[in-house]
């Protein structure tokens, strides 16, 4: 009870139903719609209920190029002082191109909207990244990416734009 408010302990249920499909060589994916409920143990917090989405569709314009569309809508817990959970709606579009059989180039554009419950606070984030993965063997790979993200909020306390640039480099070995 650091802030004087009860803990935000809760129970959540997310039920999603949908369909998987595979049109050989053209596209494959899964489209899911459902309903989410989050009930808090303390009575001062309102329940959160609503539509959930979990979708991923891959298109294959050629044998070397894949386009992936992702969409999600989920209830998330907030780490901010107001403690209200929020609905996160995300969209991403990714293109993967096999330049060589062991060198894959990737580019992604993404958008995220956060709508906080029990307040009019919202937040939006836009991002893009480019990167590549070199497969040295079946088990070892080297990956690198350059990404940029900008986040905006309408909250009086956090009403500013935050920009983030990131470079990542990783070596992976799978056992």
Protein backbone atom coordinates (compact mmCIF):
# COMPACT_ATOMS: atom_id res chain seq x y z
CA UNK A 1 0.00 0.00 0.00
CA UNK A 2 2.73 2.44 -0.90
CA UNK A 3 0.30 4.94 -2.47
CA UNK A 4 -2.46 4.34 0.09
CA UNK A 5 -4.51 2.45 -2.48
CA UNK A 6 -5.24 -1.30 -2.35
CA UNK A 7 -3.13 -3.64 -4.48
CA UNK A 8 -4.22 -4.14 -8.06
CA UNK A 9 -4.39 -7.91 -7.74
CA UNK A 10 -6.72 -9.30 -10.38
CA UNK A 11 -7.95 -12.28 -12.31
CA UNK A 12 -8.20 -12.19 -16.08
CA UNK A 13 -9.83 -14.36 -18.71
CA UNK A 14 -9.30 -14.05 -22.44
CA UNK A 15 -11.26 -16.28 -24.82
CA UNK A 16 -10.37 -16.07 -28.50
CA UNK A 17 -11.82 -18.13 -31.31
CA UNK A 18 -11.08 -18.01 -34.98
CA UNK A 19 -9.70 -19.80 -37.95
CA UNK A 20 -6.34 -20.89 -39.33
CA UNK A 21 -5.91 -21.06 -43.06
CA UNK A 22 -3.23 -22.00 -45.57
CA UNK A 23 -3.54 -21.27 -49.28
CA UNK A 24 -0.51 -23.21 -50.46
CA UNK A 25 2.21 -20.89 -51.70
CA UNK A 26 0.01 -17.76 -51.51
CA UNK A 27 -0.85 -16.97 -47.88
CA UNK A 28 -1.39 -18.48 -44.47
CA UNK A 29 -2.46 -17.19 -41.12
CA UNK A 30 -4.84 -17.10 -38.25
CA UNK A 31 -7.63 -14.67 -37.50
CA UNK A 32 -9.00 -14.62 -33.98
CA UNK A 33 -11.71 -12.60 -32.25
CA UNK A 34 -12.78 -12.94 -28.68
CA UNK A 35 -13.62 -11.33 -25.39
CA UNK A 36 -11.45 -10.34 -22.42
CA UNK A 37 -12.46 -9.78 -18.80
CA UNK A 38 -10.27 -8.48 -15.99
CA UNK A 39 -11.73 -8.47 -12.45
CA UNK A 40 -9.86 -6.78 -9.59
CA UNK A 41 -9.81 -8.14 -6.04
CA UNK A 42 -10.33 -4.66 -4.54
CA UNK A 43 -13.81 -3.19 -5.06
CA UNK A 44 -12.52 0.33 -5.78
CA UNK A 45 -11.27 -0.79 -9.22
CA UNK A 46 -13.79 -1.31 -12.00
CA UNK A 47 -13.81 -4.45 -14.11
CA UNK A 48 -12.51 -4.18 -17.65
CA UNK A 49 -14.31 -6.07 -20.42
CA UNK A 50 -14.27 -5.95 -24.18
CA UNK A 51 -13.35 -7.25 -27.60
CA UNK A 52 -10.01 -9.03 -28.09
CA UNK A 53 -8.23 -9.55 -31.39
CA UNK A 54 -5.28 -11.76 -32.26
CA UNK A 55 -4.48 -11.97 -35.96
CA UNK A 56 -1.43 -12.84 -38.06
CA UNK A 57 -1.49 -13.24 -41.84
CA UNK A 58 1.52 -13.99 -44.06
CA UNK A 59 1.48 -13.28 -47.81
CA UNK A 60 4.03 -14.79 -50.20
CA UNK A 61 4.38 -12.52 -53.28
CA UNK A 62 7.38 -14.63 -54.36
CA UNK A 63 9.51 -17.47 -53.01
CA UNK A 64 12.00 -14.92 -51.66
CA UNK A 65 9.63 -12.28 -50.23
CA UNK A 66 7.16 -12.56 -47.33
CA UNK A 67 4.79 -9.85 -46.09
CA UNK A 68 3.32 -10.31 -42.61
CA UNK A 69 0.40 -8.39 -41.08
CA UNK A 70 -0.18 -8.58 -37.32
CA UNK A 71 -3.08 -7.08 -35.33
CA UNK A 72 -3.78 -7.41 -31.61
CA UNK A 73 -6.10 -5.88 -29.02
CA UNK A 74 -5.40 -6.85 -25.40
CA UNK A 75 -5.85 -5.59 -21.84
CA UNK A 76 -2.50 -4.60 -20.29
CA UNK A 77 -1.49 -3.57 -16.77
CA UNK A 78 -0.10 -0.08 -16.32
CA UNK A 79 3.10 0.60 -14.44
CA UNK A 80 2.24 4.28 -14.11
CA UNK A 81 1.09 6.00 -10.95
CA UNK A 82 -2.59 5.99 -11.95
CA UNK A 83 -2.63 2.16 -11.96
CA UNK A 84 -5.43 1.93 -14.50
CA UNK A 85 -5.12 -0.92 -16.98
CA UNK A 86 -5.31 -0.02 -20.64
CA UNK A 87 -6.42 -1.45 -23.94
CA UNK A 88 -3.48 -1.87 -26.32
CA UNK A 89 -4.33 -2.00 -30.01
CA UNK A 90 -1.33 -2.82 -32.22
CA UNK A 91 -0.76 -3.18 -35.94
CA UNK A 92 2.47 -4.22 -37.64
CA UNK A 93 3.47 -4.77 -41.25
CA UNK A 94 6.73 -6.65 -41.90
CA UNK A 95 8.56 -7.53 -45.08
CA UNK A 96 11.20 -10.27 -45.16
CA UNK A 97 13.39 -10.77 -48.21
CA UNK A 98 15.86 -13.63 -48.65
CA UNK A 99 18.77 -11.93 -50.37
CA UNK A 100 20.74 -15.18 -50.16
CA UNK A 101 19.60 -18.54 -48.81
CA UNK A 102 21.27 -17.66 -45.48
CA UNK A 103 20.83 -13.85 -45.44
CA UNK A 104 17.37 -12.45 -44.68
CA UNK A 105 16.63 -8.71 -44.73
CA UNK A 106 13.69 -7.40 -42.69
CA UNK A 107 11.75 -4.14 -42.52
CA UNK A 108 8.86 -3.42 -40.14
CA UNK A 109 6.40 -0.56 -39.61
CA UNK A 110 4.24 -0.59 -36.49
CA UNK A 111 1.54 1.43 -34.76
CA UNK A 112 0.25 1.09 -31.19
CA UNK A 113 -2.61 2.86 -29.43
CA UNK A 114 -3.10 2.68 -25.66
CA UNK A 115 -6.49 3.68 -24.23
CA UNK A 116 -6.43 3.85 -20.42
CA UNK A 117 -9.57 2.79 -18.56
CA UNK A 118 -11.20 5.12 -16.03
CA UNK A 119 -9.50 8.15 -17.62
CA UNK A 120 -9.28 10.01 -20.91
CA UNK A 121 -5.54 9.33 -21.18
CA UNK A 122 -4.34 7.85 -24.44
CA UNK A 123 -0.94 7.19 -25.91
CA UNK A 124 0.19 6.48 -29.46
CA UNK A 125 3.44 5.03 -30.76
CA UNK A 126 4.78 4.82 -34.31
CA UNK A 127 7.87 2.87 -35.19
CA UNK A 128 9.96 1.44 -37.99
CA UNK A 129 12.94 -0.87 -38.15
CA UNK A 130 15.31 -2.42 -40.65
CA UNK A 131 17.58 -5.34 -40.02
CA UNK A 132 19.04 -8.59 -41.16
CA UNK A 133 19.80 -12.12 -40.06
CA UNK A 134 22.76 -14.16 -41.27
CA UNK A 135 22.38 -17.91 -40.75
CA UNK A 136 25.86 -19.33 -40.27
CA UNK A 137 24.53 -22.84 -39.68
CA UNK A 138 21.33 -24.54 -38.57
CA UNK A 139 22.12 -23.55 -34.99
CA UNK A 140 24.08 -20.29 -35.18
CA UNK A 141 23.01 -16.89 -36.49
CA UNK A 142 23.95 -13.24 -36.25
CA UNK A 143 21.17 -10.64 -36.19
CA UNK A 144 21.24 -6.86 -36.30
CA UNK A 145 18.60 -4.15 -36.46
CA UNK A 146 18.22 -0.40 -36.45
CA UNK A 147 14.89 0.91 -35.14
CA UNK A 148 13.17 4.19 -34.38
CA UNK A 149 10.07 4.80 -32.23
CA UNK A 150 8.15 7.95 -31.36
CA UNK A 151 5.54 7.96 -28.59
CA UNK A 152 2.99 10.68 -27.81
CA UNK A 153 0.59 10.98 -24.87
CA UNK A 154 -2.28 13.34 -24.08
CA UNK A 155 -1.75 13.04 -20.30
CA UNK A 156 -0.89 16.36 -18.60
CA UNK A 157 1.95 14.75 -16.63
CA UNK A 158 3.41 12.88 -19.60
CA UNK A 159 2.32 15.23 -22.39
CA UNK A 160 5.43 15.13 -24.45
CA UNK A 161 6.88 13.25 -27.33
CA UNK A 162 9.46 10.60 -26.59
CA UNK A 163 11.76 9.48 -29.41
CA UNK A 164 13.92 6.39 -29.24
CA UNK A 165 16.56 5.15 -31.62
CA UNK A 166 18.03 1.71 -31.07
CA UNK A 167 20.70 -0.48 -32.60
CA UNK A 168 20.80 -4.15 -31.64
CA UNK A 169 23.27 -6.86 -32.47
CA UNK A 170 22.88 -10.45 -31.34
CA UNK A 171 24.60 -13.77 -31.77
CA UNK A 172 22.27 -16.76 -31.32
CA UNK A 173 23.16 -20.38 -30.80
CA UNK A 174 20.33 -22.90 -30.48
CA UNK A 175 20.93 -26.17 -28.68
